[in-house]
């Protein structure tokens, strides 16, 4: 957008979504996930992320509110034997992004690694 003096004025917008999260570790009660920051932050830095989770056939719900721009978290209080998916929403001063694509489904079970 240009003003009367033909100067460019940048209008900040919400960020693009982050990458789909990847489950990097897990057991019957928790899963560690990581994701990549959005390729376009809308002109304002990402300040936080919301991580949503759902088990198969259920609605998405906010599982973790991260008040820093870190791109990984360990999600606790999962139910053993349930299959979970996760998605991430980036937040900047302009608001919330659309949710990321969901992670691949993963069952909360004892770790295969001993």
PDB file of N, CA and C in Angstrom:
ATOM      1  N   UNK A   1       0.857  -1.176   0.000  1.00  0.00           N
ATOM      2  CA  UNK A   1       0.000   0.000   0.000  1.00  0.00           C
ATOM      3  C   UNK A   1       0.895   1.229   0.000  1.00  0.00           C
ATOM      4  N   UNK A   2       0.489   2.277  -0.717  1.00  0.00           N
ATOM      5  CA  UNK A   2       1.290   3.505  -0.764  1.00  0.00           C
ATOM      6  C   UNK A   2       0.506   4.641  -0.115  1.00  0.00           C
ATOM      7  N   UNK A   3       1.250   5.542   0.545  1.00  0.00           N
ATOM      8  CA  UNK A   3       0.574   6.713   1.099  1.00  0.00           C
ATOM      9  C   UNK A   3       0.667   7.851   0.080  1.00  0.00           C
ATOM     10  N   UNK A   4       0.301   9.042   0.462  1.00  0.00           N
ATOM     11  CA  UNK A   4       0.276  10.180  -0.461  1.00  0.00           C
ATOM     12  C   UNK A   4       1.636  10.548  -1.013  1.00  0.00           C
ATOM     13  N   UNK A   5       2.704  10.170  -0.350  1.00  0.00           N
ATOM     14  CA  UNK A   5       4.055  10.495  -0.814  1.00  0.00           C
ATOM     15  C   UNK A   5       4.689   9.342  -1.586  1.00  0.00           C
ATOM     16  N   UNK A   6       3.885   8.374  -1.991  1.00  0.00           N
ATOM     17  CA  UNK A   6       4.350   7.207  -2.734  1.00  0.00           C
ATOM     18  C   UNK A   6       5.411   6.404  -1.993  1.00  0.00           C
ATOM     19  N   UNK A   7       5.333   6.398  -0.676  1.00  0.00           N
ATOM     20  CA  UNK A   7       6.205   5.545   0.121  1.00  0.00           C
ATOM     21  C   UNK A   7       5.470   4.246   0.393  1.00  0.00           C
ATOM     22  N   UNK A   8       6.223   3.177   0.403  1.00  0.00           N
ATOM     23  CA  UNK A   8       5.610   1.891   0.738  1.00  0.00           C
ATOM     24  C   UNK A   8       5.347   1.812   2.236  1.00  0.00           C
ATOM     25  N   UNK A   9       4.170   1.400   2.567  1.00  0.00           N
ATOM     26  CA  UNK A   9       3.824   1.168   3.965  1.00  0.00           C
ATOM     27  C   UNK A   9       3.581  -0.326   4.105  1.00  0.00           C
ATOM     28  N   UNK A  10       4.303  -0.948   5.009  1.00  0.00           N
ATOM     29  CA  UNK A  10       4.150  -2.380   5.207  1.00  0.00           C
ATOM     30  C   UNK A  10       3.059  -2.639   6.231  1.00  0.00           C
ATOM     31  N   UNK A  11       2.137  -3.458   5.852  1.00  0.00           N
ATOM     32  CA  UNK A  11       1.055  -3.830   6.753  1.00  0.00           C
ATOM     33  C   UNK A  11       1.349  -5.233   7.256  1.00  0.00           C
ATOM     34  N   UNK A  12       1.447  -5.354   8.556  1.00  0.00           N
ATOM     35  CA  UNK A  12       1.749  -6.677   9.106  1.00  0.00           C
ATOM     36  C   UNK A  12       0.506  -7.547   9.066  1.00  0.00           C
ATOM     37  N   UNK A  13       0.739  -8.814   8.960  1.00  0.00           N
ATOM     38  CA  UNK A  13      -0.348  -9.778   8.875  1.00  0.00           C
ATOM     39  C   UNK A  13      -0.007 -10.979   9.735  1.00  0.00           C
ATOM     40  N   UNK A  14      -0.988 -11.822   9.894  1.00  0.00           N
ATOM     41  CA  UNK A  14      -0.708 -13.056  10.624  1.00  0.00           C
ATOM     42  C   UNK A  14       0.276 -13.888   9.811  1.00  0.00           C
ATOM     43  N   UNK A  15       0.955 -14.739  10.503  1.00  0.00           N
ATOM     44  CA  UNK A  15       1.968 -15.605   9.917  1.00  0.00           C
ATOM     45  C   UNK A  15       1.339 -16.693   9.060  1.00  0.00           C
ATOM     46  N   UNK A  16       2.135 -17.255   8.166  1.00  0.00           N
ATOM     47  CA  UNK A  16       1.753 -18.514   7.534  1.00  0.00           C
ATOM     48  C   UNK A  16       1.836 -19.606   8.600  1.00  0.00           C
ATOM     49  N   UNK A  17       1.209 -20.751   8.388  1.00  0.00           N
ATOM     50  CA  UNK A  17       1.312 -21.826   9.383  1.00  0.00           C
ATOM     51  C   UNK A  17       2.723 -22.399   9.461  1.00  0.00           C
ATOM     52  N   UNK A  18       3.080 -22.965  10.620  1.00  0.00           N
ATOM     53  CA  UNK A  18       4.346 -23.691  10.727  1.00  0.00           C
ATOM     54  C   UNK A  18       4.276 -24.993   9.922  1.00  0.00           C
ATOM     55  N   UNK A  19       5.400 -25.694   9.845  1.00  0.00           N
ATOM     56  CA  UNK A  19       5.398 -27.011   9.191  1.00  0.00           C
ATOM     57  C   UNK A  19       4.615 -27.998  10.058  1.00  0.00           C
ATOM     58  N   UNK A  20       4.220 -29.095   9.452  1.00  0.00           N
ATOM     59  CA  UNK A  20       3.548 -30.155  10.221  1.00  0.00           C
ATOM     60  C   UNK A  20       4.501 -30.668  11.287  1.00  0.00           C
ATOM     61  N   UNK A  21       4.032 -30.846  12.520  1.00  0.00           N
ATOM     62  CA  UNK A  21       4.934 -31.359  13.553  1.00  0.00           C
ATOM     63  C   UNK A  21       5.291 -32.819  13.318  1.00  0.00           C
ATOM     64  N   UNK A  22       6.453 -33.184  13.832  1.00  0.00           N
ATOM     65  CA  UNK A  22       6.948 -34.558  13.749  1.00  0.00           C
ATOM     66  C   UNK A  22       7.147 -35.070  15.170  1.00  0.00           C
ATOM     67  N   UNK A  23       6.641 -36.264  15.442  1.00  0.00           N
ATOM     68  CA  UNK A  23       6.864 -36.881  16.747  1.00  0.00           C
ATOM     69  C   UNK A  23       8.268 -37.463  16.741  1.00  0.00           C
ATOM     70  N   UNK A  24       9.101 -37.022  17.678  1.00  0.00           N
ATOM     71  CA  UNK A  24      10.498 -37.447  17.713  1.00  0.00           C
ATOM     72  C   UNK A  24      10.780 -38.486  18.795  1.00  0.00           C
ATOM     73  N   UNK A  25       9.889 -38.591  19.784  1.00  0.00           N
ATOM     74  CA  UNK A  25      10.073 -39.561  20.853  1.00  0.00           C
ATOM     75  C   UNK A  25       8.744 -39.683  21.583  1.00  0.00           C
ATOM     76  N   UNK A  26       8.561 -40.788  22.281  1.00  0.00           N
ATOM     77  CA  UNK A  26       7.325 -40.912  23.028  1.00  0.00           C
ATOM     78  C   UNK A  26       7.250 -42.181  23.837  1.00  0.00           C
ATOM     79  N   UNK A  27       6.308 -42.185  24.759  1.00  0.00           N
ATOM     80  CA  UNK A  27       5.999 -43.371  25.541  1.00  0.00           C
ATOM     81  C   UNK A  27       4.493 -43.383  25.807  1.00  0.00           C
ATOM     82  N   UNK A  28       4.045 -44.139  26.804  1.00  0.00           N
ATOM     83  CA  UNK A  28       2.600 -44.270  27.018  1.00  0.00           C
ATOM     84  C   UNK A  28       1.952 -43.019  27.598  1.00  0.00           C
ATOM     85  N   UNK A  29       2.729 -42.066  28.107  1.00  0.00           N
ATOM     86  CA  UNK A  29       2.168 -40.874  28.750  1.00  0.00           C
ATOM     87  C   UNK A  29       2.600 -39.548  28.131  1.00  0.00           C
ATOM     88  N   UNK A  30       3.595 -39.558  27.246  1.00  0.00           N
ATOM     89  CA  UNK A  30       4.084 -38.295  26.685  1.00  0.00           C
ATOM     90  C   UNK A  30       4.668 -38.521  25.290  1.00  0.00           C
ATOM     91  N   UNK A  31       4.710 -37.431  24.519  1.00  0.00           N
ATOM     92  CA  UNK A  31       5.343 -37.455  23.201  1.00  0.00           C
ATOM     93  C   UNK A  31       6.081 -36.143  22.991  1.00  0.00           C
ATOM     94  N   UNK A  32       7.272 -36.247  22.434  1.00  0.00           N
ATOM     95  CA  UNK A  32       8.058 -35.067  22.069  1.00  0.00           C
ATOM     96  C   UNK A  32       7.803 -34.781  20.593  1.00  0.00           C
ATOM     97  N   UNK A  33       7.521 -33.515  20.287  1.00  0.00           N
ATOM     98  CA  UNK A  33       7.308 -33.129  18.890  1.00  0.00           C
ATOM     99  C   UNK A  33       8.196 -31.931  18.561  1.00  0.00           C
ATOM    100  N   UNK A  34       8.457 -31.771  17.261  1.00  0.00           N
ATOM    101  CA  UNK A  34       9.172 -30.592  16.788  1.00  0.00           C
ATOM    102  C   UNK A  34       8.582 -30.194  15.442  1.00  0.00           C
ATOM    103  N   UNK A  35       8.790 -28.941  15.083  1.00  0.00           N
ATOM    104  CA  UNK A  35       8.278 -28.406  13.827  1.00  0.00           C
ATOM    105  C   UNK A  35       9.203 -27.286  13.385  1.00  0.00           C
ATOM    106  N   UNK A  36       8.983 -26.808  12.157  1.00  0.00           N
ATOM    107  CA  UNK A  36       9.767 -25.694  11.635  1.00  0.00           C
ATOM    108  C   UNK A  36       8.913 -24.433  11.685  1.00  0.00           C
ATOM    109  N   UNK A  37       9.562 -23.320  11.998  1.00  0.00           N
ATOM    110  CA  UNK A  37       8.872 -22.029  12.031  1.00  0.00           C
ATOM    111  C   UNK A  37       8.279 -21.733  10.648  1.00  0.00           C
ATOM    112  N   UNK A  38       7.258 -20.903  10.593  1.00  0.00           N
ATOM    113  CA  UNK A  38       6.661 -20.558   9.292  1.00  0.00           C
ATOM    114  C   UNK A  38       7.692 -19.934   8.347  1.00  0.00           C
ATOM    115  N   UNK A  39       7.516 -20.162   7.046  1.00  0.00           N
ATOM    116  CA  UNK A  39       8.447 -19.581   6.072  1.00  0.00           C
ATOM    117  C   UNK A  39       8.198 -18.079   5.916  1.00  0.00           C
ATOM    118  N   UNK A  40       7.026 -17.600   6.324  1.00  0.00           N
ATOM    119  CA  UNK A  40       6.702 -16.168   6.287  1.00  0.00           C
ATOM    120  C   UNK A  40       5.988 -15.826   7.586  1.00  0.00           C
ATOM    121  N   UNK A  41       6.583 -14.924   8.365  1.00  0.00           N
ATOM    122  CA  UNK A  41       5.981 -14.567   9.655  1.00  0.00           C
ATOM    123  C   UNK A  41       4.995 -13.407   9.563  1.00  0.00           C
ATOM    124  N   UNK A  42       4.665 -12.987   8.342  1.00  0.00           N
ATOM    125  CA  UNK A  42       3.695 -11.908   8.157  1.00  0.00           C
ATOM    126  C   UNK A  42       4.263 -10.527   8.429  1.00  0.00           C
ATOM    127  N   UNK A  43       5.585 -10.431   8.578  1.00  0.00           N
ATOM    128  CA  UNK A  43       6.203  -9.136   8.814  1.00  0.00           C
ATOM    129  C   UNK A  43       6.414  -8.820  10.286  1.00  0.00           C
ATOM    130  N   UNK A  44       6.000  -9.711  11.150  1.00  0.00           N
ATOM    131  CA  UNK A  44       6.207  -9.523  12.588  1.00  0.00           C
ATOM    132  C   UNK A  44       6.717 -10.832  13.171  1.00  0.00           C
ATOM    133  N   UNK A  45       7.643 -10.766  14.120  1.00  0.00           N
ATOM    134  CA  UNK A  45       8.215 -11.990  14.678  1.00  0.00           C
ATOM    135  C   UNK A  45       7.167 -12.880  15.351  1.00  0.00           C
ATOM    136  N   UNK A  46       7.390 -14.177  15.261  1.00  0.00           N
ATOM    137  CA  UNK A  46       6.553 -15.137  15.995  1.00  0.00           C
ATOM    138  C   UNK A  46       6.870 -14.962  17.478  1.00  0.00           C
ATOM    139  N   UNK A  47       5.829 -14.851  18.290  1.00  0.00           N
ATOM    140  CA  UNK A  47       6.029 -14.659  19.729  1.00  0.00           C
ATOM    141  C   UNK A  47       5.674 -15.900  20.535  1.00  0.00           C
ATOM    142  N   UNK A  48       4.816 -16.757  19.976  1.00  0.00           N
ATOM    143  CA  UNK A  48       4.401 -17.950  20.719  1.00  0.00           C
ATOM    144  C   UNK A  48       3.749 -18.948  19.775  1.00  0.00           C
ATOM    145  N   UNK A  49       3.496 -20.133  20.314  1.00  0.00           N
ATOM    146  CA  UNK A  49       2.814 -21.190  19.566  1.00  0.00           C
ATOM    147  C   UNK A  49       1.743 -21.827  20.444  1.00  0.00           C
ATOM    148  N   UNK A  50       0.665 -22.243  19.806  1.00  0.00           N
ATOM    149  CA  UNK A  50      -0.323 -23.106  20.447  1.00  0.00           C
ATOM    150  C   UNK A  50      -0.179 -24.475  19.809  1.00  0.00           C
ATOM    151  N   UNK A  51      -0.126 -25.516  20.623  1.00  0.00           N
ATOM    152  CA  UNK A  51      -0.076 -26.881  20.122  1.00  0.00           C
ATOM    153  C   UNK A  51      -1.423 -27.517  20.411  1.00  0.00           C
ATOM    154  N   UNK A  52      -2.054 -28.037  19.378  1.00  0.00           N
ATOM    155  CA  UNK A  52      -3.336 -28.719  19.529  1.00  0.00           C
ATOM    156  C   UNK A  52      -3.138 -30.218  19.343  1.00  0.00           C
ATOM    157  N   UNK A  53      -3.985 -30.989  19.996  1.00  0.00           N
ATOM    158  CA  UNK A  53      -3.921 -32.451  19.894  1.00  0.00           C
ATOM    159  C   UNK A  53      -5.322 -33.001  19.750  1.00  0.00           C
ATOM    160  N   UNK A  54      -5.383 -34.189  19.184  1.00  0.00           N
ATOM    161  CA  UNK A  54      -6.641 -34.926  19.157  1.00  0.00           C
ATOM    162  C   UNK A  54      -6.331 -36.406  19.093  1.00  0.00           C
ATOM    163  N   UNK A  55      -7.213 -37.192  19.674  1.00  0.00           N
ATOM    164  CA  UNK A  55      -7.126 -38.636  19.479  1.00  0.00           C
ATOM    165  C   UNK A  55      -8.089 -38.980  18.352  1.00  0.00           C
ATOM    166  N   UNK A  56      -7.927 -40.133  17.757  1.00  0.00           N
ATOM    167  CA  UNK A  56      -8.687 -40.526  16.580  1.00  0.00           C
ATOM    168  C   UNK A  56     -10.192 -40.322  16.804  1.00  0.00           C
ATOM    169  N   UNK A  57     -10.818 -39.617  15.867  1.00  0.00           N
ATOM    170  CA  UNK A  57     -12.256 -39.394  15.914  1.00  0.00           C
ATOM    171  C   UNK A  57     -12.712 -38.264  16.820  1.00  0.00           C
ATOM    172  N   UNK A  58     -11.778 -37.606  17.491  1.00  0.00           N
ATOM    173  CA  UNK A  58     -12.121 -36.522  18.421  1.00  0.00           C
ATOM    174  C   UNK A  58     -11.829 -35.158  17.791  1.00  0.00           C
ATOM    175  N   UNK A  59     -12.328 -34.101  18.449  1.00  0.00           N
ATOM    176  CA  UNK A  59     -12.091 -32.728  18.006  1.00  0.00           C
ATOM    177  C   UNK A  59     -10.705 -32.262  18.452  1.00  0.00           C
ATOM    178  N   UNK A  60     -10.156 -31.296  17.720  1.00  0.00           N
ATOM    179  CA  UNK A  60      -8.885 -30.682  18.114  1.00  0.00           C
ATOM    180  C   UNK A  60      -9.093 -29.896  19.398  1.00  0.00           C
ATOM    181  N   UNK A  61      -8.112 -29.968  20.296  1.00  0.00           N
ATOM    182  CA  UNK A  61      -8.148 -29.152  21.506  1.00  0.00           C
ATOM    183  C   UNK A  61      -6.752 -28.621  21.809  1.00  0.00           C
ATOM    184  N   UNK A  62      -6.706 -27.431  22.422  1.00  0.00           N
ATOM    185  CA  UNK A  62      -5.409 -26.861  22.796  1.00  0.00           C
ATOM    186  C   UNK A  62      -4.805 -27.737  23.876  1.00  0.00           C
ATOM    187  N   UNK A  63      -3.570 -28.169  23.639  1.00  0.00           N
ATOM    188  CA  UNK A  63      -2.893 -29.063  24.579  1.00  0.00           C
ATOM    189  C   UNK A  63      -1.767 -28.333  25.306  1.00  0.00           C
ATOM    190  N   UNK A  64      -1.134 -27.398  24.618  1.00  0.00           N
ATOM    191  CA  UNK A  64       0.015 -26.694  25.212  1.00  0.00           C
ATOM    192  C   UNK A  64       0.068 -25.279  24.655  1.00  0.00           C
ATOM    193  N   UNK A  65       0.296 -24.302  25.539  1.00  0.00           N
ATOM    194  CA  UNK A  65       0.490 -22.910  25.135  1.00  0.00           C
ATOM    195  C   UNK A  65       1.946 -22.556  25.412  1.00  0.00           C
ATOM    196  N   UNK A  66       2.690 -22.300  24.364  1.00  0.00           N
ATOM    197  CA  UNK A  66       4.111 -21.966  24.508  1.00  0.00           C
ATOM    198  C   UNK A  66       4.267 -20.463  24.347  1.00  0.00           C
ATOM    199  N   UNK A  67       4.734 -19.786  25.392  1.00  0.00           N
ATOM    200  CA  UNK A  67       4.828 -18.326  25.320  1.00  0.00           C
ATOM    201  C   UNK A  67       6.190 -17.842  24.839  1.00  0.00           C
ATOM    202  N   UNK A  68       6.932 -18.711  24.179  1.00  0.00           N
ATOM    203  CA  UNK A  68       8.183 -18.350  23.525  1.00  0.00           C
ATOM    204  C   UNK A  68       8.181 -18.987  22.137  1.00  0.00           C
ATOM    205  N   UNK A  69       9.018 -18.491  21.230  1.00  0.00           N
ATOM    206  CA  UNK A  69       9.009 -19.042  19.867  1.00  0.00           C
ATOM    207  C   UNK A  69       9.824 -20.319  19.691  1.00  0.00           C
ATOM    208  N   UNK A  70       9.872 -21.176  20.709  1.00  0.00           N
ATOM    209  CA  UNK A  70      10.570 -22.463  20.567  1.00  0.00           C
ATOM    210  C   UNK A  70       9.790 -23.360  19.615  1.00  0.00           C
ATOM    211  N   UNK A  71      10.490 -24.269  18.945  1.00  0.00           N
ATOM    212  CA  UNK A  71       9.827 -25.119  17.941  1.00  0.00           C
ATOM    213  C   UNK A  71       9.872 -26.599  18.313  1.00  0.00           C
ATOM    214  N   UNK A  72       9.805 -26.871  19.612  1.00  0.00           N
ATOM    215  CA  UNK A  72       9.694 -28.246  20.081  1.00  0.00           C
ATOM    216  C   UNK A  72       9.091 -28.232  21.477  1.00  0.00           C
ATOM    217  N   UNK A  73       8.445 -29.341  21.831  1.00  0.00           N
ATOM    218  CA  UNK A  73       7.837 -29.448  23.157  1.00  0.00           C
ATOM    219  C   UNK A  73       7.575 -30.923  23.439  1.00  0.00           C
ATOM    220  N   UNK A  74       7.558 -31.275  24.714  1.00  0.00           N
ATOM    221  CA  UNK A  74       7.124 -32.607  25.120  1.00  0.00           C
ATOM    222  C   UNK A  74       5.734 -32.480  25.719  1.00  0.00           C
ATOM    223  N   UNK A  75       4.793 -33.172  25.111  1.00  0.00           N
ATOM    224  CA  UNK A  75       3.392 -33.118  25.541  1.00  0.00           C
ATOM    225  C   UNK A  75       3.136 -34.222  26.555  1.00  0.00           C
ATOM    226  N   UNK A  76       2.578 -33.851  27.687  1.00  0.00           N
ATOM    227  CA  UNK A  76       2.361 -34.770  28.798  1.00  0.00           C
ATOM    228  C   UNK A  76       0.881 -35.152  28.908  1.00  0.00           C
ATOM    229  N   UNK A  77       0.605 -36.072  29.808  1.00  0.00           N
ATOM    230  CA  UNK A  77      -0.755 -36.466  30.191  1.00  0.00           C
ATOM    231  C   UNK A  77      -1.541 -37.111  29.052  1.00  0.00           C
ATOM    232  N   UNK A  78      -0.832 -37.843  28.196  1.00  0.00           N
ATOM    233  CA  UNK A  78      -1.511 -38.601  27.150  1.00  0.00           C
ATOM    234  C   UNK A  78      -2.057 -39.888  27.765  1.00  0.00           C
ATOM    235  N   UNK A  79      -3.050 -40.470  27.105  1.00  0.00           N
ATOM    236  CA  UNK A  79      -3.635 -41.719  27.602  1.00  0.00           C
ATOM    237  C   UNK A  79      -3.052 -42.902  26.842  1.00  0.00           C
ATOM    238  N   UNK A  80      -2.531 -43.857  27.592  1.00  0.00           N
ATOM    239  CA  UNK A  80      -1.913 -45.044  27.010  1.00  0.00           C
ATOM    240  C   UNK A  80      -2.892 -45.746  26.077  1.00  0.00           C
ATOM    241  N   UNK A  81      -2.394 -46.144  24.902  1.00  0.00           N
ATOM    242  CA  UNK A  81      -3.196 -46.889  23.949  1.00  0.00           C
ATOM    243  C   UNK A  81      -3.993 -46.021  22.987  1.00  0.00           C
ATOM    244  N   UNK A  82      -4.061 -44.706  23.224  1.00  0.00           N
ATOM    245  CA  UNK A  82      -4.788 -43.817  22.321  1.00  0.00           C
ATOM    246  C   UNK A  82      -3.860 -43.356  21.202  1.00  0.00           C
ATOM    247  N   UNK A  83      -4.429 -43.181  20.013  1.00  0.00           N
ATOM    248  CA  UNK A  83      -3.671 -42.677  18.868  1.00  0.00           C
ATOM    249  C   UNK A  83      -3.862 -41.158  18.807  1.00  0.00           C
ATOM    250  N   UNK A  84      -2.766 -40.426  18.721  1.00  0.00           N
ATOM    251  CA  UNK A  84      -2.810 -38.967  18.730  1.00  0.00           C
ATOM    252  C   UNK A  84      -2.253 -38.365  17.456  1.00  0.00           C
ATOM    253  N   UNK A  85      -2.779 -37.175  17.136  1.00  0.00           N
ATOM    254  CA  UNK A  85      -2.197 -36.316  16.115  1.00  0.00           C
ATOM    255  C   UNK A  85      -2.023 -34.949  16.746  1.00  0.00           C
ATOM    256  N   UNK A  86      -1.063 -34.183  16.223  1.00  0.00           N
ATOM    257  CA  UNK A  86      -0.778 -32.852  16.740  1.00  0.00           C
ATOM    258  C   UNK A  86      -0.706 -31.863  15.588  1.00  0.00           C
ATOM    259  N   UNK A  87      -1.041 -30.618  15.871  1.00  0.00           N
ATOM    260  CA  UNK A  87      -0.849 -29.534  14.913  1.00  0.00           C
ATOM    261  C   UNK A  87      -0.476 -28.274  15.694  1.00  0.00           C
ATOM    262  N   UNK A  88       0.116 -27.306  14.989  1.00  0.00           N
ATOM    263  CA  UNK A  88       0.679 -26.131  15.643  1.00  0.00           C
ATOM    264  C   UNK A  88       0.148 -24.860  14.992  1.00  0.00           C
ATOM    265  N   UNK A  89      -0.100 -23.849  15.813  1.00  0.00           N
ATOM    266  CA  UNK A  89      -0.544 -22.531  15.357  1.00  0.00           C
ATOM    267  C   UNK A  89       0.515 -21.519  15.784  1.00  0.00           C
ATOM    268  N   UNK A  90       0.994 -20.712  14.839  1.00  0.00           N
ATOM    269  CA  UNK A  90       1.977 -19.664  15.142  1.00  0.00           C
ATOM    270  C   UNK A  90       1.236 -18.382  15.501  1.00  0.00           C
ATOM    271  N   UNK A  91       1.808 -17.617  16.428  1.00  0.00           N
ATOM    272  CA  UNK A  91       1.166 -16.383  16.862  1.00  0.00           C
ATOM    273  C   UNK A  91       2.181 -15.244  16.806  1.00  0.00           C
ATOM    274  N   UNK A  92       1.753 -14.135  16.190  1.00  0.00           N
ATOM    275  CA  UNK A  92       2.534 -12.896  16.239  1.00  0.00           C
ATOM    276  C   UNK A  92       1.578 -11.784  16.697  1.00  0.00           C
ATOM    277  N   UNK A  93       2.055 -10.544  16.705  1.00  0.00           N
ATOM    278  CA  UNK A  93       1.212  -9.458  17.224  1.00  0.00           C
ATOM    279  C   UNK A  93      -0.055  -9.243  16.399  1.00  0.00           C
ATOM    280  N   UNK A  94      -0.051  -9.699  15.151  1.00  0.00           N
ATOM    281  CA  UNK A  94      -1.235  -9.546  14.300  1.00  0.00           C
ATOM    282  C   UNK A  94      -2.283 -10.627  14.554  1.00  0.00           C
ATOM    283  N   UNK A  95      -1.906 -11.707  15.246  1.00  0.00           N
ATOM    284  CA  UNK A  95      -2.880 -12.753  15.554  1.00  0.00           C
ATOM    285  C   UNK A  95      -2.349 -14.156  15.313  1.00  0.00           C
ATOM    286  N   UNK A  96      -3.298 -15.083  15.150  1.00  0.00           N
ATOM    287  CA  UNK A  96      -2.966 -16.508  15.004  1.00  0.00           C
ATOM    288  C   UNK A  96      -2.949 -16.917  13.542  1.00  0.00           C
ATOM    289  N   UNK A  97      -2.007 -17.791  13.209  1.00  0.00           N
ATOM    290  CA  UNK A  97      -1.965 -18.379  11.862  1.00  0.00           C
ATOM    291  C   UNK A  97      -3.055 -19.443  11.735  1.00  0.00           C
ATOM    292  N   UNK A  98      -3.231 -19.912  10.538  1.00  0.00           N
ATOM    293  CA  UNK A  98      -4.020 -21.115  10.346  1.00  0.00           C
ATOM    294  C   UNK A  98      -3.238 -22.269  10.972  1.00  0.00           C
ATOM    295  N   UNK A  99      -3.896 -23.345  11.370  1.00  0.00           N
ATOM    296  CA  UNK A  99      -3.151 -24.487  11.932  1.00  0.00           C
ATOM    297  C   UNK A  99      -2.254 -25.140  10.878  1.00  0.00           C
ATOM    298  N   UNK A 100      -1.160 -25.717  11.342  1.00  0.00           N
ATOM    299  CA  UNK A 100      -0.289 -26.500  10.461  1.00  0.00           C
ATOM    300  C   UNK A 100      -1.041 -27.751  10.000  1.00  0.00           C
ATOM    301  N   UNK A 101      -0.474 -28.431   9.021  1.00  0.00           N
ATOM    302  CA  UNK A 101      -0.976 -29.766   8.703  1.00  0.00           C
ATOM    303  C   UNK A 101      -0.728 -30.634   9.934  1.00  0.00           C
ATOM    304  N   UNK A 102      -1.555 -31.631  10.177  1.00  0.00           N
ATOM    305  CA  UNK A 102      -1.347 -32.471  11.363  1.00  0.00           C
ATOM    306  C   UNK A 102      -0.156 -33.418  11.214  1.00  0.00           C
ATOM    307  N   UNK A 103       0.357 -33.825  12.368  1.00  0.00           N
ATOM    308  CA  UNK A 103       1.409 -34.844  12.387  1.00  0.00           C
ATOM    309  C   UNK A 103       0.817 -36.181  11.948  1.00  0.00           C
ATOM    310  N   UNK A 104       1.697 -37.121  11.662  1.00  0.00           N
ATOM    311  CA  UNK A 104       1.235 -38.487  11.424  1.00  0.00           C
ATOM    312  C   UNK A 104       0.675 -39.041  12.727  1.00  0.00           C
ATOM    313  N   UNK A 105      -0.367 -39.860  12.671  1.00  0.00           N
ATOM    314  CA  UNK A 105      -0.914 -40.446  13.907  1.00  0.00           C
ATOM    315  C   UNK A 105       0.128 -41.303  14.612  1.00  0.00           C
ATOM    316  N   UNK A 106       0.109 -41.265  15.939  1.00  0.00           N
ATOM    317  CA  UNK A 106       1.046 -42.068  16.739  1.00  0.00           C
ATOM    318  C   UNK A 106       0.331 -42.542  17.998  1.00  0.00           C
ATOM    319  N   UNK A 107       0.510 -43.807  18.320  1.00  0.00           N
ATOM    320  CA  UNK A 107      -0.116 -44.404  19.497  1.00  0.00           C
ATOM    321  C   UNK A 107       0.760 -44.147  20.723  1.00  0.00           C
ATOM    322  N   UNK A 108       0.128 -43.729  21.809  1.00  0.00           N
ATOM    323  CA  UNK A 108       0.852 -43.559  23.084  1.00  0.00           C
ATOM    324  C   UNK A 108       1.070 -44.944  23.662  1.00  0.00           C
ATOM    325  N   UNK A 109       2.323 -45.396  23.619  1.00  0.00           N
ATOM    326  CA  UNK A 109       2.660 -46.733  24.113  1.00  0.00           C
ATOM    327  C   UNK A 109       4.077 -46.717  24.656  1.00  0.00           C
ATOM    328  N   UNK A 110       4.426 -47.774  25.338  1.00  0.00           N
ATOM    329  CA  UNK A 110       5.781 -47.871  25.877  1.00  0.00           C
ATOM    330  C   UNK A 110       6.797 -47.725  24.768  1.00  0.00           C
ATOM    331  N   UNK A 111       7.879 -47.059  25.071  1.00  0.00           N
ATOM    332  CA  UNK A 111       8.918 -46.822  24.084  1.00  0.00           C
ATOM    333  C   UNK A 111       9.492 -48.129  23.565  1.00  0.00           C
ATOM    334  N   UNK A 112       9.766 -48.159  22.255  1.00  0.00           N
ATOM    335  CA  UNK A 112      10.401 -49.337  21.661  1.00  0.00           C
ATOM    336  C   UNK A 112      11.894 -49.367  21.979  1.00  0.00           C
ATOM    337  N   UNK A 113      12.423 -48.226  22.394  1.00  0.00           N
ATOM    338  CA  UNK A 113      13.853 -48.128  22.691  1.00  0.00           C
ATOM    339  C   UNK A 113      14.089 -48.521  24.141  1.00  0.00           C
ATOM    340  N   UNK A 114      15.014 -49.396  24.372  1.00  0.00           N
ATOM    341  CA  UNK A 114      15.343 -49.796  25.745  1.00  0.00           C
ATOM    342  C   UNK A 114      16.758 -49.347  26.064  1.00  0.00           C
TER     343      UNK A 114
END
